[in-house]
Amino acid sequence: MKPKLNSFLATGVLLSISSPDGSGSGALNNNRLIFCEFTHGQSIRKQAQQIFNTENRQIMKYILLLVVLATSFWMQKGYAQTTVNAATGGTGWKRVATVQGIAGRGFGRVTVYIRGGDNFAPNMIHIDWFKDWSSVGGVSVSSNSKNSPNWTEVRLTDDGTNSYIEVNFIRDIPSSSLSLMTDTYGWRPAELYSGTLPDGGGTVRARAAVGRLSIENRFIVTYNGNVGIGTDDPQAKLAVDGTVLAKEVKVKNDITVPDYVFEENYKLPTLEEIEAYVKEHKHLPEIPSAADIEKEGLNLAEMNLLLLKKVEELTLYMIEKDKVQQCHENLISQQNTRLQEQGRLIEQLEKSISVLLKSSDKNN
């Protein structure tokens, strides 16, 4: 005969059980049977435990279901993404997203990416933007793509009421390849355009060239690894349009240090040759002219080594001049010695002549 479940309060609370004919009774506390008494010797311990376990499993299922639903709702609210397909409808500046009303203020992120397709390899850029209630705006671009064959620049514009995120497309991209994405990150996140993108326009508040990382053309890391500060088109590994303040600058290169100037077989130009060159070219031999420096810039390492060479050559000229001067001084010293000797001889002759004259006067 099956036991009857008299009461069930909660997990870990007393559960009392009795057989229908009153022949036995028992109690469960904290999920285990703590006593069981039977008058007819029929044990209901096993059946009671089965009933309790069944009820416990049902409760756990309900709890897990609530956890899953709550987690799903939280993730959708916190990380929901909106993705649309769009076509550029040509090249040039196109609006990809807008922030409607109250001067278009807010901040967030918009992603533009190529899914692939005919003649279109996958490619992407993240656009992080900010706009306040007046004229201040900011925009930066980042990308993990290796190149930028589809777009060159992004900008933030407004018309006094709404803000717009715009991209300068250099290829006409169909909706079968182009997608736009945004999420709930930020405050008043932008709304995406779909279909054929409208042309750009309005007052430009901020702009940034496309690269691996670009912050309003104040700082850029290009796809080839060049870094630009104050310029969006660095032509070297580091290009700075402005003043650089550093505690120490150390230049390493493969240019030979011109110590060969001091070798015995080095042909030192004569001063007459240098004079003729300067009169004709208006600058020293091997040193770039002012026009060349203005056009090509100044290579500090190369220029320092060239100046070092000129200093070394000048040192040789000074050594040679010193030798000539020393020779002249020696010659002058010798001449002075001879003059002194001649003066002494003259003095002796004068004395001898004076003695002779006095003797002649006495004889007369």
Protein backbone atom coordinates (compact mmCIF):
# COMPACT_ATOMS: atom_id res chain seq x y z
CA MET A 1 0.00 0.00 0.00
CA LYS A 2 1.42 3.45 -1.04
CA PRO A 3 2.08 6.03 1.67
CA LYS A 4 0.15 9.26 1.76
CA LEU A 5 1.95 12.63 1.66
CA ASN A 6 0.40 14.60 4.54
CA SER A 7 2.38 17.84 4.39
CA PHE A 8 5.34 19.44 2.62
CA LEU A 9 6.56 22.81 3.74
CA ALA A 10 9.96 23.31 2.03
CA THR A 11 13.27 21.64 1.50
CA GLY A 12 14.84 20.91 4.86
CA VAL A 13 11.52 21.24 6.75
CA LEU A 14 9.68 18.39 8.39
CA LEU A 15 7.84 16.09 6.05
CA SER A 16 5.32 13.77 7.75
CA ILE A 17 4.17 10.60 6.10
CA SER A 18 1.64 7.97 7.17
CA SER A 19 0.22 4.87 5.61
CA PRO A 20 -3.47 5.10 4.56
CA ASP A 21 -4.55 2.45 7.04
CA GLY A 22 -2.61 4.08 9.87
CA SER A 23 -0.34 1.11 10.17
CA GLY A 24 2.84 3.16 10.01
CA SER A 25 4.19 6.68 10.06
CA GLY A 26 7.46 8.47 9.50
CA ALA A 27 9.07 11.88 9.19
CA LEU A 28 11.69 13.47 6.90
CA ASN A 29 13.84 16.39 7.96
CA ASN A 30 16.69 17.99 5.96
CA ASN A 31 16.12 15.54 3.09
CA ARG A 32 16.52 12.38 5.13
CA LEU A 33 14.21 10.09 7.06
CA ILE A 34 14.72 10.67 10.79
CA PHE A 35 12.29 8.11 12.17
CA CYS A 36 9.82 5.56 10.96
CA GLU A 37 7.38 3.48 12.98
CA PHE A 38 5.13 0.78 11.59
CA THR A 39 2.53 -1.36 13.25
CA HIS A 40 2.26 -3.91 10.47
CA GLY A 41 6.00 -4.07 9.65
CA GLN A 42 5.57 -2.57 6.13
CA SER A 43 8.42 0.01 5.53
CA ILE A 44 7.61 3.12 3.57
CA ARG A 45 11.08 4.68 3.89
CA LYS A 46 12.09 4.01 0.30
CA GLN A 47 8.84 5.26 -1.19
CA ALA A 48 8.90 8.42 0.94
CA GLN A 49 12.44 9.22 -0.20
CA GLN A 50 11.40 8.77 -3.86
CA ILE A 51 8.48 11.15 -3.44
CA PHE A 52 10.67 13.75 -1.76
CA ASN A 53 13.39 13.49 -4.44
CA THR A 54 10.79 13.93 -7.18
CA GLU A 55 9.45 17.10 -5.59
CA ASN A 56 13.01 18.41 -5.06
CA ARG A 57 13.95 17.86 -8.71
CA GLN A 58 10.90 19.76 -9.91
CA ILE A 59 11.79 22.74 -7.73
CA MET A 60 15.40 22.70 -9.00
CA LYS A 61 14.13 22.65 -12.59
CA TYR A 62 12.02 25.73 -11.95
CA ILE A 63 14.96 27.53 -10.33
CA LEU A 64 17.33 26.70 -13.23
CA LEU A 65 14.71 27.84 -15.74
CA LEU A 66 14.38 31.18 -13.96
CA VAL A 67 18.18 31.62 -13.91
CA VAL A 68 18.42 30.90 -17.65
CA LEU A 69 15.62 33.32 -18.48
CA ALA A 70 17.08 36.06 -16.30
CA THR A 71 20.57 35.58 -17.80
CA SER A 72 19.21 35.64 -21.34
CA PHE A 73 17.25 38.83 -20.65
CA TRP A 74 20.30 40.52 -19.11
CA MET A 75 22.58 39.57 -22.01
CA GLN A 76 20.08 40.78 -24.58
CA LYS A 77 19.64 44.06 -22.74
CA GLY A 78 23.37 44.62 -22.16
CA TYR A 79 24.83 43.27 -25.42
CA ALA A 80 22.05 43.46 -27.97
CA GLN A 81 23.38 44.23 -31.45
CA THR A 82 21.61 45.74 -34.41
CA THR A 83 22.87 44.74 -37.84
CA VAL A 84 21.62 46.00 -41.18
CA ASN A 85 22.69 45.58 -44.79
CA ALA A 86 23.31 48.68 -46.87
CA ALA A 87 24.53 49.82 -50.27
CA THR A 88 26.70 52.88 -50.86
CA GLY A 89 24.94 53.89 -54.07
CA GLY A 90 28.21 55.26 -55.40
CA THR A 91 31.43 56.63 -53.91
CA GLY A 92 32.19 59.60 -51.68
CA TRP A 93 30.90 60.65 -48.28
CA LYS A 94 27.92 58.57 -47.09
CA ARG A 95 25.97 58.65 -43.84
CA VAL A 96 26.01 55.30 -42.04
CA ALA A 97 24.26 56.30 -38.79
CA THR A 98 22.47 59.22 -37.11
CA VAL A 99 21.66 60.51 -33.63
CA GLN A 100 18.31 62.26 -33.71
CA GLY A 101 17.40 65.35 -31.67
CA ILE A 102 18.89 67.50 -28.86
CA ALA A 103 21.83 68.50 -31.04
CA GLY A 104 22.69 64.87 -31.68
CA ARG A 105 24.55 64.52 -28.43
CA GLY A 106 25.69 61.14 -27.12
CA PHE A 107 28.47 58.62 -27.62
CA GLY A 108 28.81 55.05 -28.86
CA ARG A 109 30.28 52.79 -31.52
CA VAL A 110 29.35 51.93 -35.09
CA THR A 111 31.01 49.12 -37.04
CA VAL A 112 31.22 49.04 -40.83
CA TYR A 113 32.26 45.76 -42.39
CA ILE A 114 32.44 43.88 -45.66
CA ARG A 115 31.07 40.35 -45.43
CA GLY A 116 32.69 39.33 -48.70
CA GLY A 117 31.28 38.66 -52.13
CA ASP A 118 32.36 39.21 -55.71
CA ASN A 119 35.53 41.33 -55.76
CA PHE A 120 35.09 42.22 -52.06
CA ALA A 121 37.32 40.67 -49.42
CA PRO A 122 36.19 40.81 -45.76
CA ASN A 123 37.16 44.12 -44.17
CA MET A 124 36.06 46.16 -41.15
CA ILE A 125 36.42 49.37 -39.12
CA HIS A 126 35.17 50.40 -35.68
CA ILE A 127 34.06 54.02 -35.34
CA ASP A 128 33.91 55.40 -31.79
CA TRP A 129 32.19 58.79 -31.61
CA PHE A 130 31.20 61.52 -29.16
CA LYS A 131 29.06 64.64 -29.53
CA ASP A 132 28.10 67.21 -26.88
CA TRP A 133 25.19 69.71 -26.98
CA SER A 134 27.23 72.43 -28.65
CA SER A 135 29.87 72.14 -31.37
CA VAL A 136 32.31 69.75 -29.72
CA GLY A 137 32.68 66.30 -31.25
CA GLY A 138 35.23 63.53 -31.33
CA VAL A 139 35.83 60.46 -33.47
CA SER A 140 38.39 57.67 -33.60
CA VAL A 141 38.83 54.66 -35.87
CA SER A 142 40.30 51.25 -35.16
CA SER A 143 40.60 48.15 -37.29
CA ASN A 144 42.12 44.70 -37.17
CA SER A 145 42.05 44.45 -40.96
CA LYS A 146 45.38 44.57 -42.77
CA ASN A 147 44.42 47.19 -45.37
CA SER A 148 41.74 49.68 -46.36
CA PRO A 149 40.64 49.21 -49.99
CA ASN A 150 37.06 50.41 -49.46
CA TRP A 151 37.20 53.64 -47.40
CA THR A 152 39.70 56.35 -46.52
CA GLU A 153 38.25 58.54 -43.79
CA VAL A 154 35.40 58.93 -41.30
CA ARG A 155 33.87 62.08 -39.82
CA LEU A 156 31.22 63.34 -37.43
CA THR A 157 28.87 66.02 -38.77
CA ASP A 158 25.72 67.75 -37.55
CA ASP A 159 23.01 70.08 -38.82
CA GLY A 160 22.28 71.75 -35.48
CA THR A 161 19.63 69.20 -34.54
CA ASN A 162 20.96 65.77 -35.48
CA SER A 163 24.44 64.22 -35.66
CA TYR A 164 25.69 61.93 -38.41
CA ILE A 165 28.50 59.38 -38.64
CA GLU A 166 29.86 59.42 -42.18
CA VAL A 167 32.36 57.33 -44.14
CA ASN A 168 34.24 58.30 -47.30
CA PHE A 169 33.80 55.26 -49.56
CA ILE A 170 36.17 54.83 -52.51
CA ARG A 171 34.30 51.83 -53.94
CA ASP A 172 30.66 51.34 -54.81
CA ILE A 173 29.63 48.49 -52.50
CA PRO A 174 26.33 46.58 -52.87
CA SER A 175 24.13 45.52 -49.97
CA SER A 176 25.08 41.91 -50.64
CA SER A 177 28.54 42.74 -49.27
CA LEU A 178 28.18 45.75 -46.93
CA SER A 179 26.84 45.60 -43.37
CA LEU A 180 26.54 48.10 -40.51
CA MET A 181 26.40 47.22 -36.83
CA THR A 182 25.76 49.00 -33.55
CA ASP A 183 24.81 47.95 -30.02
CA THR A 184 23.50 49.43 -26.80
CA TYR A 185 26.96 50.54 -25.66
CA GLY A 186 27.09 54.26 -24.91
CA TRP A 187 24.50 56.96 -24.29
CA ARG A 188 21.91 57.65 -26.97
CA PRO A 189 23.64 55.27 -29.42
CA ALA A 190 23.38 56.01 -33.11
CA GLU A 191 20.66 54.59 -35.34
CA LEU A 192 21.85 52.83 -38.47
CA TYR A 193 20.80 53.65 -42.02
CA SER A 194 19.77 50.73 -44.22
CA GLY A 195 19.20 50.36 -47.92
CA THR A 196 20.99 52.91 -50.06
CA LEU A 197 23.03 55.21 -47.82
CA PRO A 198 22.29 58.96 -48.05
CA ASP A 199 25.01 61.39 -49.09
CA GLY A 200 27.01 63.08 -46.36
CA GLY A 201 26.98 66.76 -45.49
CA GLY A 202 26.63 69.29 -42.71
CA THR A 203 29.15 70.91 -40.39
CA VAL A 204 32.18 68.74 -39.75
CA ARG A 205 32.89 68.44 -36.01
CA ALA A 206 35.64 65.80 -36.11
CA ARG A 207 37.36 63.57 -38.66
CA ALA A 208 39.91 60.77 -38.71
CA ALA A 209 41.79 58.98 -41.48
CA VAL A 210 41.31 55.22 -41.61
CA GLY A 211 44.16 53.09 -40.22
CA ARG A 212 44.87 50.44 -37.62
CA LEU A 213 44.26 53.22 -35.08
CA SER A 214 43.41 56.86 -35.73
CA ILE A 215 42.37 59.56 -33.27
CA GLU A 216 41.09 62.68 -35.06
CA ASN A 217 44.25 62.89 -37.19
CA ARG A 218 46.18 63.80 -34.05
CA PHE A 219 47.60 60.29 -33.78
CA ILE A 220 47.55 57.51 -36.35
CA VAL A 221 49.01 54.05 -36.82
CA THR A 222 48.75 53.26 -40.51
CA TYR A 223 48.30 49.85 -42.09
CA ASN A 224 52.02 49.70 -42.98
CA GLY A 225 53.01 50.35 -39.36
CA ASN A 226 54.02 54.00 -39.71
CA VAL A 227 53.11 56.24 -36.77
CA GLY A 228 52.04 59.83 -37.26
CA ILE A 229 51.67 62.51 -34.57
CA GLY A 230 50.05 65.69 -35.83
CA THR A 231 49.88 64.23 -39.34
CA ASP A 232 47.55 61.67 -40.94
CA ASP A 233 50.03 60.67 -43.66
CA PRO A 234 53.32 59.61 -42.03
CA GLN A 235 55.97 58.76 -44.60
CA ALA A 236 58.33 57.17 -42.07
CA LYS A 237 58.13 54.81 -39.11
CA LEU A 238 57.61 57.91 -36.94
CA ALA A 239 56.52 61.27 -38.34
CA VAL A 240 55.90 64.23 -36.03
CA ASP A 241 54.46 67.54 -37.21
CA GLY A 242 55.55 69.64 -34.25
CA THR A 243 58.18 69.94 -31.55
CA VAL A 244 59.69 66.81 -30.00
CA LEU A 245 60.93 67.03 -26.42
CA ALA A 246 63.14 64.13 -25.32
CA LYS A 247 65.60 63.49 -22.54
CA GLU A 248 67.88 61.59 -24.90
CA VAL A 249 67.89 60.68 -28.58
CA LYS A 250 70.17 57.91 -29.83
CA VAL A 251 70.54 57.32 -33.57
CA LYS A 252 71.84 54.06 -34.98
CA ASN A 253 72.52 53.59 -38.69
CA ASP A 254 74.87 51.97 -41.19
CA ILE A 255 76.62 55.19 -42.30
CA THR A 256 80.40 54.98 -41.93
CA VAL A 257 81.86 57.37 -39.38
CA PRO A 258 84.37 59.54 -41.31
CA ASP A 259 87.49 58.71 -39.31
CA TYR A 260 89.06 57.79 -42.66
CA VAL A 261 89.83 61.52 -42.99
CA PHE A 262 92.82 60.94 -40.73
CA GLU A 263 94.29 58.17 -42.87
CA GLU A 264 97.59 59.03 -44.56
CA ASN A 265 96.25 58.30 -48.04
CA TYR A 266 93.22 60.61 -47.63
CA LYS A 267 93.27 63.38 -50.22
CA LEU A 268 92.39 66.56 -48.39
CA PRO A 269 90.95 69.21 -50.72
CA THR A 270 92.96 72.37 -50.90
CA LEU A 271 91.49 75.61 -49.60
CA GLU A 272 91.70 76.97 -53.15
CA GLU A 273 89.47 74.10 -54.36
CA ILE A 274 86.97 74.69 -51.56
CA GLU A 275 86.93 78.42 -52.30
CA ALA A 276 86.15 77.77 -55.95
CA TYR A 277 83.34 75.31 -55.06
CA VAL A 278 81.73 77.69 -52.56
CA LYS A 279 81.82 80.57 -55.06
CA GLU A 280 80.01 78.42 -57.62
CA HIS A 281 77.50 76.47 -55.47
CA LYS A 282 77.05 78.70 -52.42
CA HIS A 283 77.44 75.79 -49.98
CA LEU A 284 80.18 73.43 -48.79
CA PRO A 285 81.05 70.30 -50.77
CA GLU A 286 78.92 67.24 -49.78
CA ILE A 287 76.61 69.41 -47.65
CA PRO A 288 73.06 69.65 -49.07
CA SER A 289 71.93 73.07 -50.21
CA ALA A 290 69.20 75.09 -48.55
CA ALA A 291 66.85 74.28 -51.45
CA ASP A 292 67.50 70.54 -51.07
CA ILE A 293 66.84 70.64 -47.31
CA GLU A 294 63.65 72.63 -47.82
CA LYS A 295 62.42 70.09 -50.38
CA GLU A 296 63.66 66.79 -48.93
CA GLY A 297 64.04 67.59 -45.24
CA LEU A 298 67.10 67.11 -43.08
CA ASN A 299 68.57 63.70 -42.28
CA LEU A 300 69.97 64.29 -38.80
CA ALA A 301 72.23 61.24 -38.73
CA GLU A 302 73.68 61.89 -42.18
CA MET A 303 74.07 65.60 -41.54
CA ASN A 304 75.82 65.06 -38.21
CA LEU A 305 78.30 62.70 -39.84
CA LEU A 306 78.92 65.12 -42.71
CA LEU A 307 79.49 67.93 -40.23
CA LEU A 308 81.84 65.66 -38.29
CA LYS A 309 83.77 65.06 -41.52
CA LYS A 310 84.05 68.79 -42.12
CA VAL A 311 85.24 69.34 -38.55
CA GLU A 312 87.88 66.66 -39.02
CA GLU A 313 88.99 68.20 -42.31
CA LEU A 314 89.05 71.62 -40.64
CA THR A 315 91.21 70.11 -37.89
CA LEU A 316 93.69 68.92 -40.52
CA TYR A 317 93.74 72.40 -42.09
CA MET A 318 94.40 73.92 -38.68
CA ILE A 319 97.18 71.41 -37.98
CA GLU A 320 98.74 72.26 -41.34
CA LYS A 321 98.32 75.97 -40.68
CA ASP A 322 99.89 75.52 -37.27
CA LYS A 323 102.87 73.80 -38.84
CA VAL A 324 103.30 76.65 -41.32
CA GLN A 325 102.93 79.20 -38.56
CA GLN A 326 105.44 77.35 -36.42
CA CYS A 327 107.84 77.31 -39.35
CA HIS A 328 107.36 81.04 -39.79
CA GLU A 329 107.93 81.63 -36.10
CA ASN A 330 111.12 79.55 -36.22
CA LEU A 331 112.28 81.49 -39.25
CA ILE A 332 111.53 84.78 -37.55
CA SER A 333 113.35 83.61 -34.43
CA GLN A 334 116.37 82.69 -36.51
CA GLN A 335 116.26 86.05 -38.24
CA ASN A 336 116.03 87.80 -34.88
CA THR A 337 119.06 85.87 -33.68
CA ARG A 338 120.97 86.90 -36.79
CA LEU A 339 119.90 90.49 -36.38
CA GLN A 340 121.05 90.44 -32.80
CA GLU A 341 124.37 88.97 -33.88
CA GLN A 342 124.67 91.56 -36.60
CA GLY A 343 123.89 94.28 -34.07
CA ARG A 344 126.57 93.00 -31.79
CA LEU A 345 129.07 92.96 -34.68
CA ILE A 346 128.07 96.44 -35.70
CA GLU A 347 128.50 97.61 -32.16
CA GLN A 348 132.00 96.10 -32.08
CA LEU A 349 132.85 97.70 -35.43
CA GLU A 350 131.66 101.02 -34.18
CA LYS A 351 133.88 100.70 -31.14
CA SER A 352 136.86 99.71 -33.28
CA ILE A 353 136.26 102.62 -35.63
CA SER A 354 136.00 104.97 -32.68
CA VAL A 355 139.38 103.73 -31.32
CA LEU A 356 141.00 104.14 -34.71
CA LEU A 357 139.69 107.65 -35.09
CA LYS A 358 140.96 108.65 -31.66
CA SER A 359 144.39 107.17 -32.46
CA SER A 360 144.53 109.01 -35.75
CA ASP A 361 143.71 112.26 -34.05
CA LYS A 362 146.58 111.84 -31.60
CA ASN A 363 149.06 111.15 -34.34
CA ASN A 364 148.04 114.26 -36.15
